Amino acid sequence: LETLPKPANADVRIATAPATRRAAIRFSGYATDAAIAEQEAA
């Protein structure tokens, strides 16, 4: 956090994402809404 340059645009925030456990599904192709919904359900 100390060595990163400070954003000039106030919309851009620098934050720390905490350590976490995640379930993830990987897929190829274009990430359309339909493809994402199918993978999210699976």
All heavy atoms as atom14 arrays in JSON, in Angstrom:
{
  "sequence": "LETLPKPANADVRIATAPATRRAAIRFSGYATDAAIAEQEAA",
  "atom14_mask": [
    [1, 1, 1, 1, 1, 1, 1, 1, 0, 0, 0, 0, 0, 0],
    [1, 1, 1, 1, 1, 1, 1, 1, 1, 0, 0, 0, 0, 0],
    [1, 1, 1, 1, 1, 1, 1, 0, 0, 0, 0, 0, 0, 0],
    [1, 1, 1, 1, 1, 1, 1, 1, 0, 0, 0, 0, 0, 0],
    [1, 1, 1, 1, 1, 1, 1, 0, 0, 0, 0, 0, 0, 0],
    [1, 1, 1, 1, 1, 1, 1, 1, 1, 0, 0, 0, 0, 0],
    [1, 1, 1, 1, 1, 1, 1, 0, 0, 0, 0, 0, 0, 0],
    [1, 1, 1, 1, 1, 0, 0, 0, 0, 0, 0, 0, 0, 0],
    [1, 1, 1, 1, 1, 1, 1, 1, 0, 0, 0, 0, 0, 0],
    [1, 1, 1, 1, 1, 0, 0, 0, 0, 0, 0, 0, 0, 0],
    [1, 1, 1, 1, 1, 1, 1, 1, 0, 0, 0, 0, 0, 0],
    [1, 1, 1, 1, 1, 1, 1, 0, 0, 0, 0, 0, 0, 0],
    [1, 1, 1, 1, 1, 1, 1, 1, 1, 1, 1, 0, 0, 0],
    [1, 1, 1, 1, 1, 1, 1, 1, 0, 0, 0, 0, 0, 0],
    [1, 1, 1, 1, 1, 0, 0, 0, 0, 0, 0, 0, 0, 0],
    [1, 1, 1, 1, 1, 1, 1, 0, 0, 0, 0, 0, 0, 0],
    [1, 1, 1, 1, 1, 0, 0, 0, 0, 0, 0, 0, 0, 0],
    [1, 1, 1, 1, 1, 1, 1, 0, 0, 0, 0, 0, 0, 0],
    [1, 1, 1, 1, 1, 0, 0, 0, 0, 0, 0, 0, 0, 0],
    [1, 1, 1, 1, 1, 1, 1, 0, 0, 0, 0, 0, 0, 0],
    [1, 1, 1, 1, 1, 1, 1, 1, 1, 1, 1, 0, 0, 0],
    [1, 1, 1, 1, 1, 1, 1, 1, 1, 1, 1, 0, 0, 0],
    [1, 1, 1, 1, 1, 0, 0, 0, 0, 0, 0, 0, 0, 0],
    [1, 1, 1, 1, 1, 0, 0, 0, 0, 0, 0, 0, 0, 0],
    [1, 1, 1, 1, 1, 1, 1, 1, 0, 0, 0, 0, 0, 0],
    [1, 1, 1, 1, 1, 1, 1, 1, 1, 1, 1, 0, 0, 0],
    [1, 1, 1, 1, 1, 1, 1, 1, 1, 1, 1, 0, 0, 0],
    [1, 1, 1, 1, 1, 1, 0, 0, 0, 0, 0, 0, 0, 0],
    [1, 1, 1, 1, 0, 0, 0, 0, 0, 0, 0, 0, 0, 0],
    [1, 1, 1, 1, 1, 1, 1, 1, 1, 1, 1, 1, 0, 0],
    [1, 1, 1, 1, 1, 0, 0, 0, 0, 0, 0, 0, 0, 0],
    [1, 1, 1, 1, 1, 1, 1, 0, 0, 0, 0, 0, 0, 0],
    [1, 1, 1, 1, 1, 1, 1, 1, 0, 0, 0, 0, 0, 0],
    [1, 1, 1, 1, 1, 0, 0, 0, 0, 0, 0, 0, 0, 0],
    [1, 1, 1, 1, 1, 0, 0, 0, 0, 0, 0, 0, 0, 0],
    [1, 1, 1, 1, 1, 1, 1, 1, 0, 0, 0, 0, 0, 0],
    [1, 1, 1, 1, 1, 0, 0, 0, 0, 0, 0, 0, 0, 0],
    [1, 1, 1, 1, 1, 1, 1, 1, 1, 0, 0, 0, 0, 0],
    [1, 1, 1, 1, 1, 1, 1, 1, 1, 0, 0, 0, 0, 0],
    [1, 1, 1, 1, 1, 1, 1, 1, 1, 0, 0, 0, 0, 0],
    [1, 1, 1, 1, 1, 0, 0, 0, 0, 0, 0, 0, 0, 0],
    [1, 1, 1, 1, 1, 0, 0, 0, 0, 0, 0, 0, 0, 0]
  ],
  "atom14_positions": [
    [[0.83, -1.21, 0.0], [0.0, 0.0, 0.0], [0.87, 1.26, 0.0], [0.48, 2.29, -0.56], [-0.92, 0.0, 1.22], [-2.07, -1.01, 1.22], [-2.81, -0.96, 2.55], [-3.03, -0.76, 0.06], [0.0, 0.0, 0.0], [0.0, 0.0, 0.0], [0.0, 0.0, 0.0], [0.0, 0.0, 0.0], [0.0, 0.0, 0.0], [0.0, 0.0, 0.0]],
    [[2.04, 1.16, 0.61], [2.92, 2.32, 0.7], [3.67, 2.58, -0.6], [3.98, 3.74, -0.93], [3.93, 2.12, 1.84], [3.32, 2.16, 3.24], [2.5, 0.92, 3.56], [2.82, -0.16, 2.99], [1.55, 1.03, 4.36], [0.0, 0.0, 0.0], [0.0, 0.0, 0.0], [0.0, 0.0, 0.0], [0.0, 0.0, 0.0], [0.0, 0.0, 0.0]],
    [[3.98, 1.53, -1.37], [4.8, 1.72, -2.57], [3.98, 1.91, -3.84], [4.51, 2.31, -4.86], [5.74, 0.51, -2.77], [4.97, -0.69, -2.9], [6.69, 0.38, -1.59], [0.0, 0.0, 0.0], [0.0, 0.0, 0.0], [0.0, 0.0, 0.0], [0.0, 0.0, 0.0], [0.0, 0.0, 0.0], [0.0, 0.0, 0.0], [0.0, 0.0, 0.0]],
    [[2.68, 1.65, -3.8], [1.85, 1.88, -4.98], [1.66, 3.37, -5.23], [1.44, 4.13, -4.28], [0.49, 1.22, -4.81], [0.33, -0.22, -5.27], [-1.04, -0.74, -4.87], [0.52, -0.35, -6.78], [0.0, 0.0, 0.0], [0.0, 0.0, 0.0], [0.0, 0.0, 0.0], [0.0, 0.0, 0.0], [0.0, 0.0, 0.0], [0.0, 0.0, 0.0]],
    [[1.7, 3.81, -6.49], [1.4, 5.22, -6.79], [-0.05, 5.54, -6.4], [-0.93, 4.68, -6.46], [1.58, 5.3, -8.31], [2.41, 4.12, -8.67], [2.07, 3.04, -7.69], [0.0, 0.0, 0.0], [0.0, 0.0, 0.0], [0.0, 0.0, 0.0], [0.0, 0.0, 0.0], [0.0, 0.0, 0.0], [0.0, 0.0, 0.0], [0.0, 0.0, 0.0]],
    [[-0.25, 6.78, -6.01], [-1.58, 7.22, -5.63], [-2.39, 7.56, -6.9], [-1.89, 8.23, -7.8], [-1.51, 8.44, -4.72], [-0.79, 8.18, -3.41], [-1.52, 7.14, -2.59], [-0.87, 6.95, -1.22], [0.41, 6.19, -1.34], [0.0, 0.0, 0.0], [0.0, 0.0, 0.0], [0.0, 0.0, 0.0], [0.0, 0.0, 0.0], [0.0, 0.0, 0.0]],
    [[-3.64, 7.1, -6.99], [-4.46, 7.41, -8.17], [-4.74, 8.9, -8.27], [-4.93, 9.59, -7.27], [-5.76, 6.63, -7.91], [-5.42, 5.61, -6.88], [-4.34, 6.22, -6.04], [0.0, 0.0, 0.0], [0.0, 0.0, 0.0], [0.0, 0.0, 0.0], [0.0, 0.0, 0.0], [0.0, 0.0, 0.0], [0.0, 0.0, 0.0], [0.0, 0.0, 0.0]],
    [[-4.77, 9.4, -9.5], [-5.16, 10.79, -9.74], [-6.67, 10.92, -9.85], [-7.24, 11.97, -9.56], [-4.5, 11.31, -11.01], [0.0, 0.0, 0.0], [0.0, 0.0, 0.0], [0.0, 0.0, 0.0], [0.0, 0.0, 0.0], [0.0, 0.0, 0.0], [0.0, 0.0, 0.0], [0.0, 0.0, 0.0], [0.0, 0.0, 0.0], [0.0, 0.0, 0.0]],
    [[-7.33, 9.85, -10.29], [-8.78, 9.82, -10.44], [-9.41, 9.38, -9.12], [-9.12, 8.31, -8.61], [-9.15, 8.84, -11.56], [-10.63, 8.85, -11.88], [-11.47, 9.22, -11.06], [-10.97, 8.45, -13.11], [0.0, 0.0, 0.0], [0.0, 0.0, 0.0], [0.0, 0.0, 0.0], [0.0, 0.0, 0.0], [0.0, 0.0, 0.0], [0.0, 0.0, 0.0]],
    [[-10.27, 10.22, -8.57], [-10.88, 9.92, -7.28], [-11.77, 8.69, -7.33], [-12.09, 8.11, -6.28], [-11.7, 11.12, -6.8], [0.0, 0.0, 0.0], [0.0, 0.0, 0.0], [0.0, 0.0, 0.0], [0.0, 0.0, 0.0], [0.0, 0.0, 0.0], [0.0, 0.0, 0.0], [0.0, 0.0, 0.0], [0.0, 0.0, 0.0], [0.0, 0.0, 0.0]],
    [[-12.19, 8.28, -8.53], [-13.02, 7.08, -8.64], [-12.24, 5.81, -8.36], [-12.82, 4.77, -8.02], [-13.61, 6.97, -10.05], [-14.76, 7.94, -10.27], [-15.19, 8.57, -9.28], [-15.22, 8.07, -11.42], [0.0, 0.0, 0.0], [0.0, 0.0, 0.0], [0.0, 0.0, 0.0], [0.0, 0.0, 0.0], [0.0, 0.0, 0.0], [0.0, 0.0, 0.0]],
    [[-10.93, 5.84, -8.55], [-10.09, 4.66, -8.39], [-9.67, 4.54, -6.92], [-9.09, 5.47, -6.36], [-8.85, 4.71, -9.29], [-7.95, 3.5, -9.05], [-9.27, 4.78, -10.75], [0.0, 0.0, 0.0], [0.0, 0.0, 0.0], [0.0, 0.0, 0.0], [0.0, 0.0, 0.0], [0.0, 0.0, 0.0], [0.0, 0.0, 0.0], [0.0, 0.0, 0.0]],
    [[-9.98, 3.41, -6.31], [-9.63, 3.17, -4.92], [-8.57, 2.07, -4.83], [-8.63, 1.09, -5.59], [-10.87, 2.74, -4.12], [-12.04, 3.7, -4.21], [-13.23, 3.2, -3.41], [-13.73, 1.92, -3.86], [-14.62, 1.77, -4.85], [-15.1, 2.83, -5.49], [-15.04, 0.56, -5.2], [0.0, 0.0, 0.0], [0.0, 0.0, 0.0], [0.0, 0.0, 0.0]],
    [[-7.64, 2.21, -3.91], [-6.66, 1.16, -3.61], [-7.09, 0.51, -2.3], [-7.31, 1.19, -1.3], [-5.23, 1.73, -3.48], [-4.86, 2.52, -4.74], [-4.24, 0.6, -3.23], [-4.87, 1.69, -6.01], [0.0, 0.0, 0.0], [0.0, 0.0, 0.0], [0.0, 0.0, 0.0], [0.0, 0.0, 0.0], [0.0, 0.0, 0.0], [0.0, 0.0, 0.0]],
    [[-7.23, -0.81, -2.31], [-7.74, -1.51, -1.14], [-7.01, -2.84, -0.97], [-6.37, -3.34, -1.9], [-9.25, -1.75, -1.28], [0.0, 0.0, 0.0], [0.0, 0.0, 0.0], [0.0, 0.0, 0.0], [0.0, 0.0, 0.0], [0.0, 0.0, 0.0], [0.0, 0.0, 0.0], [0.0, 0.0, 0.0], [0.0, 0.0, 0.0], [0.0, 0.0, 0.0]],
    [[-7.12, -3.4, 0.22], [-6.58, -4.72, 0.49], [-7.72, -5.73, 0.5], [-8.69, -5.56, 1.25], [-5.86, -4.76, 1.85], [-4.76, -3.84, 1.83], [-5.32, -6.16, 2.14], [0.0, 0.0, 0.0], [0.0, 0.0, 0.0], [0.0, 0.0, 0.0], [0.0, 0.0, 0.0], [0.0, 0.0, 0.0], [0.0, 0.0, 0.0], [0.0, 0.0, 0.0]],
    [[-7.62, -6.74, -0.34], [-8.59, -7.84, -0.35], [-8.09, -8.9, 0.62], [-6.96, -9.38, 0.47], [-8.74, -8.42, -1.75], [0.0, 0.0, 0.0], [0.0, 0.0, 0.0], [0.0, 0.0, 0.0], [0.0, 0.0, 0.0], [0.0, 0.0, 0.0], [0.0, 0.0, 0.0], [0.0, 0.0, 0.0], [0.0, 0.0, 0.0], [0.0, 0.0, 0.0]],
    [[-8.86, -9.27, 1.62], [-8.37, -10.21, 2.63], [-8.18, -11.61, 2.07], [-8.75, -11.97, 1.03], [-9.46, -10.19, 3.7], [-10.7, -9.8, 2.95], [-10.24, -8.85, 1.88], [0.0, 0.0, 0.0], [0.0, 0.0, 0.0], [0.0, 0.0, 0.0], [0.0, 0.0, 0.0], [0.0, 0.0, 0.0], [0.0, 0.0, 0.0], [0.0, 0.0, 0.0]],
    [[-7.37, -12.4, 2.76], [-7.23, -13.81, 2.4], [-8.59, -14.49, 2.49], [-9.41, -14.17, 3.37], [-6.23, -14.49, 3.34], [0.0, 0.0, 0.0], [0.0, 0.0, 0.0], [0.0, 0.0, 0.0], [0.0, 0.0, 0.0], [0.0, 0.0, 0.0], [0.0, 0.0, 0.0], [0.0, 0.0, 0.0], [0.0, 0.0, 0.0], [0.0, 0.0, 0.0]],
    [[-8.85, -15.41, 1.57], [-10.17, -16.04, 1.53], [-10.1, -17.41, 0.88], [-9.15, -17.73, 0.17], [-11.17, -15.16, 0.76], [-12.49, -15.69, 0.88], [-10.8, -15.08, -0.72], [0.0, 0.0, 0.0], [0.0, 0.0, 0.0], [0.0, 0.0, 0.0], [0.0, 0.0, 0.0], [0.0, 0.0, 0.0], [0.0, 0.0, 0.0], [0.0, 0.0, 0.0]],
    [[-11.1, -18.23, 1.15], [-11.27, -19.52, 0.46], [-12.37, -19.35, -0.58], [-13.45, -18.81, -0.28], [-11.61, -20.62, 1.45], [-11.94, -21.96, 0.8], [-11.82, -23.12, 1.77], [-10.41, -23.37, 2.09], [-9.98, -24.41, 2.81], [-10.84, -25.28, 3.29], [-8.69, -24.57, 3.06], [0.0, 0.0, 0.0], [0.0, 0.0, 0.0], [0.0, 0.0, 0.0]],
    [[-12.12, -19.82, -1.8], [-13.06, -19.64, -2.89], [-13.31, -20.94, -3.62], [-12.38, -21.72, -3.85], [-12.55, -18.61, -3.91], [-12.58, -17.19, -3.43], [-12.0, -16.25, -4.46], [-12.11, -14.86, -4.02], [-11.39, -13.88, -4.5], [-10.49, -14.12, -5.45], [-11.54, -12.65, -4.06], [0.0, 0.0, 0.0], [0.0, 0.0, 0.0], [0.0, 0.0, 0.0]],
    [[-14.55, -21.13, -4.03], [-14.89, -22.17, -5.0], [-14.91, -21.5, -6.36], [-15.48, -20.41, -6.51], [-16.24, -22.78, -4.67], [0.0, 0.0, 0.0], [0.0, 0.0, 0.0], [0.0, 0.0, 0.0], [0.0, 0.0, 0.0], [0.0, 0.0, 0.0], [0.0, 0.0, 0.0], [0.0, 0.0, 0.0], [0.0, 0.0, 0.0], [0.0, 0.0, 0.0]],
    [[-14.28, -22.13, -7.35], [-14.16, -21.52, -8.68], [-14.43, -22.55, -9.76], [-14.03, -23.72, -9.63], [-12.77, -20.92, -8.86], [0.0, 0.0, 0.0], [0.0, 0.0, 0.0], [0.0, 0.0, 0.0], [0.0, 0.0, 0.0], [0.0, 0.0, 0.0], [0.0, 0.0, 0.0], [0.0, 0.0, 0.0], [0.0, 0.0, 0.0], [0.0, 0.0, 0.0]],
    [[-15.11, -22.12, -10.82], [-15.31, -22.97, -11.99], [-14.72, -22.25, -13.2], [-14.95, -21.06, -13.4], [-16.81, -23.31, -12.21], [-16.97, -24.3, -13.36], [-17.65, -22.06, -12.42], [-18.37, -24.9, -13.45], [0.0, 0.0, 0.0], [0.0, 0.0, 0.0], [0.0, 0.0, 0.0], [0.0, 0.0, 0.0], [0.0, 0.0, 0.0], [0.0, 0.0, 0.0]],
    [[-13.94, -22.97, -13.98], [-13.23, -22.4, -15.12], [-13.91, -22.83, -16.41], [-14.32, -23.99, -16.55], [-11.78, -22.88, -15.1], [-10.92, -22.42, -16.25], [-9.48, -22.83, -16.0], [-8.6, -22.51, -17.11], [-7.27, -22.56, -17.05], [-6.68, -22.92, -15.91], [-6.54, -22.25, -18.1], [0.0, 0.0, 0.0], [0.0, 0.0, 0.0], [0.0, 0.0, 0.0]],
    [[-14.01, -21.88, -17.37], [-14.59, -22.23, -18.66], [-13.99, -21.36, -19.74], [-13.49, -20.25, -19.49], [-16.12, -22.09, -18.64], [-16.64, -20.7, -18.39], [-17.12, -19.92, -19.44], [-16.68, -20.17, -17.11], [-17.62, -18.64, -19.22], [-17.17, -18.88, -16.87], [-17.63, -18.12, -17.93], [0.0, 0.0, 0.0], [0.0, 0.0, 0.0], [0.0, 0.0, 0.0]],
    [[-14.01, -21.86, -20.96], [-13.46, -21.13, -22.1], [-14.61, -20.49, -22.89], [-15.78, -20.58, -22.5], [-12.66, -22.07, -23.0], [-13.47, -23.12, -23.49], [0.0, 0.0, 0.0], [0.0, 0.0, 0.0], [0.0, 0.0, 0.0], [0.0, 0.0, 0.0], [0.0, 0.0, 0.0], [0.0, 0.0, 0.0], [0.0, 0.0, 0.0], [0.0, 0.0, 0.0]],
    [[-14.26, -19.87, -24.0], [-15.26, -19.19, -24.81], [-15.48, -17.77, -24.33], [-14.77, -17.26, -23.46], [0.0, 0.0, 0.0], [0.0, 0.0, 0.0], [0.0, 0.0, 0.0], [0.0, 0.0, 0.0], [0.0, 0.0, 0.0], [0.0, 0.0, 0.0], [0.0, 0.0, 0.0], [0.0, 0.0, 0.0], [0.0, 0.0, 0.0], [0.0, 0.0, 0.0]],
    [[-16.48, -17.11, -24.9], [-16.78, -15.74, -24.53], [-17.71, -15.72, -23.32], [-18.65, -16.52, -23.23], [-17.39, -14.99, -25.71], [-16.37, -14.75, -26.8], [-16.27, -15.61, -27.89], [-15.48, -13.68, -26.71], [-15.31, -15.41, -28.88], [-14.52, -13.47, -27.7], [-14.43, -14.34, -28.77], [-13.48, -14.14, -29.74], [0.0, 0.0, 0.0], [0.0, 0.0, 0.0]],
    [[-17.44, -14.79, -22.4], [-18.2, -14.73, -21.14], [-19.5, -13.97, -21.35], [-19.67, -12.83, -20.92], [-17.35, -14.07, -20.06], [0.0, 0.0, 0.0], [0.0, 0.0, 0.0], [0.0, 0.0, 0.0], [0.0, 0.0, 0.0], [0.0, 0.0, 0.0], [0.0, 0.0, 0.0], [0.0, 0.0, 0.0], [0.0, 0.0, 0.0], [0.0, 0.0, 0.0]],
    [[-20.45, -14.61, -22.0], [-21.77, -14.02, -22.19], [-22.59, -14.22, -20.91], [-22.25, -15.03, -20.04], [-22.5, -14.69, -23.35], [-22.69, -16.09, -23.04], [-21.69, -14.58, -24.65], [0.0, 0.0, 0.0], [0.0, 0.0, 0.0], [0.0, 0.0, 0.0], [0.0, 0.0, 0.0], [0.0, 0.0, 0.0], [0.0, 0.0, 0.0], [0.0, 0.0, 0.0]],
    [[-23.68, -13.47, -20.78], [-24.54, -13.64, -19.62], [-25.06, -15.07, -19.52], [-25.13, -15.64, -18.42], [-25.72, -12.67, -19.69], [-25.3, -11.23, -19.43], [-24.22, -11.01, -18.86], [-26.07, -10.31, -19.82], [0.0, 0.0, 0.0], [0.0, 0.0, 0.0], [0.0, 0.0, 0.0], [0.0, 0.0, 0.0], [0.0, 0.0, 0.0], [0.0, 0.0, 0.0]],
    [[-25.41, -15.67, -20.66], [-25.93, -17.04, -20.65], [-24.87, -18.03, -20.2], [-25.14, -18.93, -19.39], [-26.45, -17.41, -22.04], [0.0, 0.0, 0.0], [0.0, 0.0, 0.0], [0.0, 0.0, 0.0], [0.0, 0.0, 0.0], [0.0, 0.0, 0.0], [0.0, 0.0, 0.0], [0.0, 0.0, 0.0], [0.0, 0.0, 0.0], [0.0, 0.0, 0.0]],
    [[-23.64, -17.87, -20.7], [-22.57, -18.78, -20.32], [-22.24, -18.65, -18.84], [-22.04, -19.65, -18.13], [-21.33, -18.5, -21.17], [0.0, 0.0, 0.0], [0.0, 0.0, 0.0], [0.0, 0.0, 0.0], [0.0, 0.0, 0.0], [0.0, 0.0, 0.0], [0.0, 0.0, 0.0], [0.0, 0.0, 0.0], [0.0, 0.0, 0.0], [0.0, 0.0, 0.0]],
    [[-22.21, -17.42, -18.35], [-21.92, -17.19, -16.93], [-23.01, -17.8, -16.05], [-22.73, -18.44, -15.04], [-21.75, -15.69, -16.66], [-20.41, -15.21, -17.24], [-21.83, -15.39, -15.17], [-20.2, -13.72, -17.14], [0.0, 0.0, 0.0], [0.0, 0.0, 0.0], [0.0, 0.0, 0.0], [0.0, 0.0, 0.0], [0.0, 0.0, 0.0], [0.0, 0.0, 0.0]],
    [[-24.27, -17.6, -16.42], [-25.38, -18.15, -15.64], [-25.31, -19.67, -15.58], [-25.55, -20.29, -14.53], [-26.71, -17.7, -16.23], [0.0, 0.0, 0.0], [0.0, 0.0, 0.0], [0.0, 0.0, 0.0], [0.0, 0.0, 0.0], [0.0, 0.0, 0.0], [0.0, 0.0, 0.0], [0.0, 0.0, 0.0], [0.0, 0.0, 0.0], [0.0, 0.0, 0.0]],
    [[-24.97, -20.3, -16.7], [-24.86, -21.76, -16.73], [-23.74, -22.25, -15.81], [-23.92, -23.2, -15.04], [-24.59, -22.22, -18.16], [-24.44, -23.72, -18.3], [-24.15, -24.15, -19.73], [-24.11, -23.27, -20.62], [-23.94, -25.35, -19.96], [0.0, 0.0, 0.0], [0.0, 0.0, 0.0], [0.0, 0.0, 0.0], [0.0, 0.0, 0.0], [0.0, 0.0, 0.0]],
    [[-22.59, -21.59, -15.89], [-21.46, -22.0, -15.05], [-21.72, -21.7, -13.58], [-21.35, -22.5, -12.7], [-20.19, -21.29, -15.52], [-19.77, -21.6, -16.95], [-19.43, -23.06, -17.15], [-18.88, -23.71, -16.26], [-19.78, -23.59, -18.31], [0.0, 0.0, 0.0], [0.0, 0.0, 0.0], [0.0, 0.0, 0.0], [0.0, 0.0, 0.0], [0.0, 0.0, 0.0]],
    [[-22.36, -20.6, -13.29], [-22.68, -20.25, -11.9], [-23.62, -21.28, -11.29], [-23.44, -21.7, -10.13], [-23.3, -18.87, -11.85], [-23.48, -18.32, -10.45], [-23.87, -16.86, -10.45], [-23.47, -16.13, -11.38], [-24.58, -16.45, -9.51], [0.0, 0.0, 0.0], [0.0, 0.0, 0.0], [0.0, 0.0, 0.0], [0.0, 0.0, 0.0], [0.0, 0.0, 0.0]],
    [[-24.6, -21.74, -12.06], [-25.53, -22.76, -11.56], [-24.79, -24.07, -11.28], [-25.04, -24.74, -10.26], [-26.65, -22.98, -12.57], [0.0, 0.0, 0.0], [0.0, 0.0, 0.0], [0.0, 0.0, 0.0], [0.0, 0.0, 0.0], [0.0, 0.0, 0.0], [0.0, 0.0, 0.0], [0.0, 0.0, 0.0], [0.0, 0.0, 0.0], [0.0, 0.0, 0.0]],
    [[-23.88, -24.45, -12.18], [-23.11, -25.68, -11.98], [-22.23, -25.58, -10.74], [-22.11, -26.54, -9.96], [-22.27, -25.97, -13.22], [0.0, 0.0, 0.0], [0.0, 0.0, 0.0], [0.0, 0.0, 0.0], [0.0, 0.0, 0.0], [0.0, 0.0, 0.0], [0.0, 0.0, 0.0], [0.0, 0.0, 0.0], [0.0, 0.0, 0.0], [0.0, 0.0, 0.0]]
  ]
}
